[in-house]
Structure formats: structure tokens, C-alpha cells
Protein backbone atom coordinates (compact mmCIF):
# COMPACT_ATOMS: atom_id res chain seq x y z
CA MET A 1 64.74 136.37 150.15
CA ASN A 2 63.69 133.50 152.40
CA VAL A 3 63.50 129.87 151.33
CA ILE A 4 61.66 127.64 153.78
CA ASP A 5 61.73 123.85 153.99
CA PHE A 6 58.08 122.93 153.45
CA ASN A 7 58.39 119.87 155.71
CA SER A 8 59.41 122.07 158.64
CA LEU A 9 55.94 123.70 158.53
CA ARG A 10 54.08 120.46 159.26
CA PRO A 11 53.10 119.97 162.91
CA PRO A 12 52.66 116.36 164.10
CA GLY A 13 49.36 115.09 162.65
CA GLY A 14 48.47 118.46 161.11
CA SER A 15 48.58 120.47 157.91
CA PRO A 16 51.62 122.55 156.96
CA ARG A 17 51.02 126.05 158.31
CA PHE A 18 52.93 129.03 156.95
CA GLU A 19 52.67 132.12 159.18
CA GLY A 20 54.07 134.74 156.83
CA GLY A 21 55.13 137.26 159.47
CA GLU A 22 57.74 134.83 160.79
CA TYR A 23 59.45 134.96 157.38
CA GLY A 24 58.92 138.57 156.31
CA SER A 25 55.80 137.83 154.25
CA SER A 26 52.41 139.57 154.45
CA VAL A 27 50.54 136.34 153.50
CA SER A 28 49.88 133.13 155.47
CA PHE A 29 48.43 129.77 154.37
CA PHE A 30 47.66 126.14 155.13
CA VAL A 31 48.33 123.28 152.72
CA VAL A 32 45.45 120.96 153.55
CA THR A 33 45.34 117.24 152.75
CA ARG A 34 42.24 115.58 154.21
CA GLY A 35 40.85 112.10 153.78
CA PRO A 36 37.22 111.43 152.83
CA GLY A 37 34.76 112.97 155.27
CA ARG A 38 37.43 115.03 157.06
CA GLY A 39 37.79 118.79 157.14
CA ALA A 40 37.63 121.79 159.43
CA SER A 41 34.88 122.62 161.93
CA LYS A 42 32.99 125.91 161.98
CA HIS A 43 35.15 128.98 162.49
CA ARG A 44 35.70 132.51 161.14
CA HIS A 45 38.39 135.10 160.48
CA PRO A 46 38.26 138.93 160.51
CA TYR A 47 39.51 138.88 156.89
CA ASP A 48 38.55 136.91 153.78
CA GLU A 49 40.08 133.48 153.19
CA THR A 50 40.71 131.97 149.77
CA TYR A 51 40.53 128.21 149.12
CA VAL A 52 42.38 126.85 146.07
CA ILE A 53 41.11 123.32 145.43
CA LEU A 54 43.89 121.34 143.74
CA ASP A 55 42.38 117.86 144.01
CA GLY A 56 39.08 116.56 145.31
CA GLU A 57 35.50 117.67 145.92
CA ILE A 58 35.09 119.96 148.92
CA GLU A 59 31.79 120.72 150.64
CA VAL A 60 32.04 124.30 151.88
CA ILE A 61 29.40 125.75 154.22
CA VAL A 62 29.45 129.54 154.62
CA ASP A 63 26.94 131.14 156.99
CA GLY A 64 24.71 128.08 156.61
CA GLU A 65 24.83 127.94 152.78
CA MET A 66 26.42 124.79 151.30
CA LEU A 67 28.34 124.69 148.03
CA MET A 68 30.40 121.92 146.41
CA VAL A 69 33.75 123.13 145.09
CA GLY A 70 35.84 120.82 142.92
CA SER A 71 39.38 120.54 141.61
CA GLY A 72 40.55 123.53 139.63
CA HIS A 73 38.23 125.98 141.40
CA ILE A 74 38.73 128.78 143.91
CA ALA A 75 36.33 129.75 146.71
CA VAL A 76 36.56 133.10 148.49
CA ILE A 77 35.13 133.11 152.02
CA PRO A 78 34.04 136.61 153.15
CA ALA A 79 35.50 138.21 156.25
CA ASN A 80 33.67 137.34 159.49
CA ALA A 81 31.58 134.60 157.82
CA TRP A 82 31.20 131.39 159.82
CA HIS A 83 32.50 128.60 157.61
CA GLU A 84 33.56 124.97 157.59
CA PHE A 85 34.53 122.38 155.01
CA LYS A 86 34.66 118.63 154.46
CA ASN A 87 36.23 116.45 151.79
CA ARG A 88 33.42 114.69 149.91
CA SER A 89 35.76 112.82 147.55
CA ASP A 90 36.52 109.10 147.75
CA HIS A 91 40.24 109.95 148.08
CA ALA A 92 42.39 112.50 149.92
CA ALA A 93 41.71 116.07 148.86
CA LEU A 94 44.39 118.73 148.46
CA MET A 95 43.79 122.45 148.89
CA VAL A 96 45.65 125.62 149.83
CA ASN A 97 43.84 127.98 152.23
CA ILE A 98 45.23 131.49 151.88
CA HIS A 99 45.03 134.12 154.63
CA PRO A 100 45.96 137.66 153.43
CA VAL A 101 47.69 138.53 156.71
CA PRO A 102 51.13 137.91 158.23
CA GLU A 103 49.55 136.17 161.25
CA MET A 104 46.40 134.04 161.11
CA ILE A 105 43.49 134.91 163.39
CA GLN A 106 40.71 132.38 163.98
CA GLU A 107 37.63 132.29 166.17
CA ASP A 108 36.16 128.81 166.63
CA TRP A 109 32.41 128.20 166.96
CA SER A 110 31.64 127.28 170.55
């Protein structure tokens, strides 16, 4: 069993990033806290990604289709779909973005 100090996963100015393979896990994730209007720019992964919205209202755009996803909801982004998100709340949003792989792979939109 591994127990990891959550604070050790936070890079300067970024979201905590857990790369499961480094700890013997087959799952990776980000814990995302973003202020109003902030989020992630367009990118994709060769596997599906699952967003768990814990607090806030998140605008998710997947392959050009926009959907609002609020607290207490889960959004599953299909593999290879271009996607991005922004916090549309008036306060910081909190979400966990789950990658079902031991090492995250991301292609950014150029």
C-alpha cells in the first residue's frame, strides 16, 4: 500500500497531479481548483477522461458541443475527442479529472 502526501503532488501554480504509475496505481488524476473564467484549453487524450464536479458550474466543450455541468455531476469525455473547460461560477470551482491510465497522455490543440 502507498500513502501519498497530497500537497507533494501540487506543482508551483498548478493543480495536484497524480501519475498513478509512479505509485503502483493504474489510474491517474488531477484535482482542479479554478477561479471564475479559468480552465483548460483545447486538448485530447487517447482514452476517455472522467470529470467529477464537486463544486461549481463548469462549461465543457467536447468536439465543438457545449454543455454546462454543475456540482454533483459527472461528465465522461470520449477518447480522442477535442475538449476544453472553463469555470462559469462566481467562485472557485473544484473538480477531479480522472485518467484511466498509469501515465497521462495529452495532445494540445495547436
